[in-house]
Protein backbone atom coordinates (compact mmCIF):
# COMPACT_ATOMS: atom_id res chain seq x y z
CA MET A 1 219.96 -58.11 52.66
CA SER A 2 216.70 -58.95 50.85
CA ALA A 3 214.90 -56.56 48.48
CA LYS A 4 212.14 -56.09 51.05
CA ASP A 5 214.60 -55.36 53.88
CA THR A 6 216.55 -52.93 51.69
CA LEU A 7 213.36 -51.08 50.75
CA CYS A 8 212.20 -50.92 54.38
CA GLN A 9 215.56 -49.40 55.35
CA MET A 10 215.32 -46.86 52.50
CA LEU A 11 211.80 -45.85 53.51
CA LYS A 12 212.79 -45.52 57.16
CA THR A 13 215.75 -43.33 56.19
CA LEU A 14 213.41 -41.15 54.09
CA GLY A 15 211.08 -40.72 57.09
CA PHE A 16 208.22 -43.03 56.06
CA GLU A 17 206.46 -45.40 58.39
CA ALA A 18 205.37 -48.24 56.15
CA THR A 19 204.75 -51.95 55.88
CA VAL A 20 205.85 -53.85 52.80
CA THR A 21 204.45 -57.07 51.35
CA GLU A 22 206.07 -58.99 48.54
CA GLN A 23 204.77 -61.22 45.78
CA ASN A 24 205.93 -62.48 42.40
CA TYR A 25 204.59 -60.57 39.40
CA GLU A 26 205.40 -61.78 35.89
CA ASP A 27 209.21 -62.05 35.92
CA MET A 28 209.64 -59.49 38.71
CA LEU A 29 209.27 -59.14 42.44
CA LEU A 30 206.44 -56.79 43.41
CA LEU A 31 206.84 -54.92 46.68
CA ASP A 32 203.59 -53.28 47.77
CA ILE A 33 203.97 -50.47 50.29
CA GLN A 34 201.27 -49.50 52.76
CA THR A 35 201.73 -46.09 54.40
CA ASP A 36 199.70 -43.24 55.86
CA GLU A 37 201.36 -40.88 53.36
CA PRO A 38 200.83 -42.58 49.99
CA ASN A 39 200.64 -39.36 47.95
CA ARG A 40 203.95 -38.12 49.28
CA LEU A 41 205.58 -41.44 48.44
CA ILE A 42 203.98 -41.71 45.00
CA GLY A 43 204.81 -38.14 43.96
CA ARG A 44 203.54 -36.29 40.91
CA GLN A 45 202.47 -38.83 38.28
CA GLY A 46 204.32 -41.58 40.18
CA GLN A 47 207.69 -39.89 39.74
CA THR A 48 208.90 -40.27 43.34
CA LEU A 49 207.85 -43.91 43.43
CA GLY A 50 209.63 -44.51 40.12
CA GLU A 51 212.83 -42.90 41.38
CA ILE A 52 212.82 -44.97 44.57
CA GLN A 53 212.23 -48.08 42.46
CA TYR A 54 215.14 -47.14 40.19
CA LEU A 55 217.49 -46.62 43.16
CA LEU A 56 216.39 -49.85 44.81
CA ASN A 57 217.04 -51.83 41.63
CA ARG A 58 220.47 -50.18 41.24
CA ILE A 59 221.37 -51.16 44.82
CA LEU A 60 220.11 -54.73 44.42
CA HIS A 61 221.74 -55.39 41.03
CA LYS A 62 225.11 -53.93 41.90
CA GLY A 63 227.40 -56.79 40.96
CA ASP A 64 224.61 -59.41 40.77
CA ASP A 65 222.53 -59.55 37.60
CA SER A 66 220.76 -62.72 38.76
CA VAL A 67 218.58 -60.76 41.21
CA PRO A 68 215.05 -60.30 39.79
CA ARG A 69 213.87 -56.78 38.94
CA VAL A 70 211.76 -55.17 41.62
CA MET A 71 208.61 -53.18 40.96
CA LEU A 72 207.17 -50.95 43.67
CA ASP A 73 203.52 -50.14 44.26
CA VAL A 74 201.80 -48.06 46.90
CA GLY A 75 198.34 -49.23 47.87
CA GLY A 76 197.52 -50.41 44.34
CA TYR A 77 198.46 -47.09 42.65
CA ARG A 78 200.58 -48.75 39.96
CA ARG A 79 198.03 -51.52 39.36
CA GLU A 80 195.28 -48.92 38.81
CA ALA A 81 197.51 -46.75 36.62
CA ARG A 82 198.49 -49.83 34.56
CA GLU A 83 194.85 -50.75 34.01
CA GLN A 84 193.93 -47.18 33.00
CA LEU A 85 196.86 -46.93 30.59
CA ALA A 86 196.02 -50.25 28.92
CA LYS A 87 192.36 -49.16 28.65
CA ARG A 88 193.38 -45.84 27.04
CA ALA A 89 195.63 -47.68 24.58
CA VAL A 90 192.76 -49.97 23.53
CA GLU A 91 190.44 -46.97 23.11
CA LEU A 92 193.00 -45.22 20.88
CA ALA A 93 193.48 -48.44 18.90
CA ASP A 94 189.72 -48.45 18.26
CA LYS A 95 189.99 -44.90 16.87
CA VAL A 96 192.87 -45.94 14.62
CA ARG A 97 190.82 -48.87 13.39
CA ARG A 98 187.74 -46.69 12.81
CA PHE A 99 189.40 -43.71 11.12
CA GLY A 100 192.64 -45.19 9.74
CA ASP A 101 194.68 -42.31 11.19
CA ILE A 102 197.91 -42.53 13.15
CA MET A 103 197.36 -41.67 16.82
CA GLU A 104 200.03 -40.47 19.23
CA MET A 105 200.08 -41.10 22.96
CA GLU A 106 201.70 -38.71 25.43
CA PRO A 107 205.44 -39.01 26.25
CA MET A 108 206.01 -41.80 28.75
CA ASN A 109 208.76 -43.76 30.44
CA ALA A 110 209.90 -47.25 29.45
CA TYR A 111 207.69 -48.97 32.04
CA ASP A 112 204.52 -47.28 30.73
CA ARG A 113 205.47 -47.88 27.09
CA ARG A 114 205.86 -51.57 27.84
CA ILE A 115 202.32 -51.65 29.24
CA VAL A 116 200.94 -50.10 26.01
CA HIS A 117 202.93 -52.41 23.73
CA GLN A 118 201.81 -55.44 25.77
CA ALA A 119 198.16 -54.33 25.73
CA LEU A 120 198.14 -54.14 21.92
CA LYS A 121 200.65 -56.82 20.89
CA THR A 122 197.97 -59.35 19.93
CA ASP A 123 195.79 -56.83 18.07
CA PRO A 124 195.90 -57.96 14.42
CA ASP A 125 194.99 -54.50 13.08
CA ILE A 126 197.31 -52.21 15.08
CA GLU A 127 201.07 -51.57 15.13
CA THR A 128 202.80 -49.66 17.93
CA HIS A 129 206.08 -47.79 17.62
CA SER A 130 208.05 -45.82 20.22
CA VAL A 131 209.49 -42.54 18.97
CA GLU A 132 212.03 -40.37 20.81
CA VAL A 133 211.01 -36.94 22.07
CA ASP A 134 213.74 -34.33 21.63
CA GLY A 135 215.22 -33.12 24.90
CA SER A 136 213.61 -35.87 26.98
CA ASP A 137 214.33 -39.41 28.13
CA LYS A 138 210.69 -40.23 27.42
CA LYS A 139 209.21 -41.47 24.16
CA VAL A 140 205.77 -41.26 22.57
CA ILE A 141 203.98 -44.26 21.16
CA LEU A 142 202.48 -44.07 17.71
CA LEU A 143 199.54 -46.35 16.97
CA ARG A 144 198.87 -47.02 13.31
CA PRO A 145 196.99 -49.51 11.16
CA ARG A 146 199.05 -52.66 10.71
CA ARG A 147 200.53 -52.94 7.26
CA GLN A 148 199.21 -56.04 5.57
CA ALA A 149 201.67 -58.25 3.72
CA SER A 150 201.20 -57.77 0.00
CA SER A 151 200.16 -60.90 -1.87
CA SER A 152 201.09 -59.54 -5.29
CA THR A 153 204.61 -59.19 -6.57
CA ALA A 154 205.98 -56.35 -8.64
CA THR A 155 207.00 -57.17 -12.19
């Protein structure tokens, strides 16, 4: 069964009437869900959507690692959240650049951390580091001024 068919069956079992479109996104398959109940499907801060995505990927990759990862979106929610997160990361990077202080972003999951790291990876002045949060599976990202390679040698 295809990723789209598997997702449609999951949504039907969960009581959602939805249509699903698919497209390639980076190295993943993006399944965009259209439903009359987007908030219920998205959940608080995208948690329900993330959990359905996790289960779908577990089902699809069971015994077959060649299947591409699947990312779910509901009516552009993830796209908008991705854009806002990248924008916030750039704004914090500007503060780090201006004041020279280390800035900390809120705890986030691996998917969101990847967005931040990607948004700032080409910034020559900023380093990003993920740091574990005790008692959580989430990590914070620290933004700090990039350490410049020293041109002098110690004697």
